[in-house]
Amino acid sequence: VLTHDDVCKLDFGVQVNGRIIDSAFTIAFNPKYDNLIASTQDGTNTGLKEAGIDARFSEIGAAIQETIESYEVEIDGKTYPVKPIRNLNGHSIGAYQIHAGKSVPIVKNNDSTKMEEGEM
């Protein structure tokens, strides 16, 4: 049973015609977590804006990281910087593969891989 001060990540997946898509989002009932949730939503939107043909994954990750780290959360009178979780990534979508092909980081790295036309 969730309480007013809980933070909950919902992670789910669906398969449509062989394309398996997974997604996750966070909910909280206490408004003190609103900036935390806003940082992840803003980071996701930044990644979507940066994505496109010839976009370098390292640059997408750097933009997402910068966006997320621009937020702070105050909890019980103490202010904390928001940081991305380094081992969470976006990824390609392939037929009957839940995590297919390329991984898109949410932090800056040295990966020079580029997005290509037709990739999902």
Foldseek 3Di string as FASTA:
>chain_A
DDDQADKDKDKDWDADQQWIEIDIAIDHNHCLCVQVRVLQVVLVVQLVVQADAFRFLLVSLQRSQVSSQVTWGADPNDIDGGGDDFPDWDAWIDGNDHHDDDTRTNHHDDGRDTDHPPID
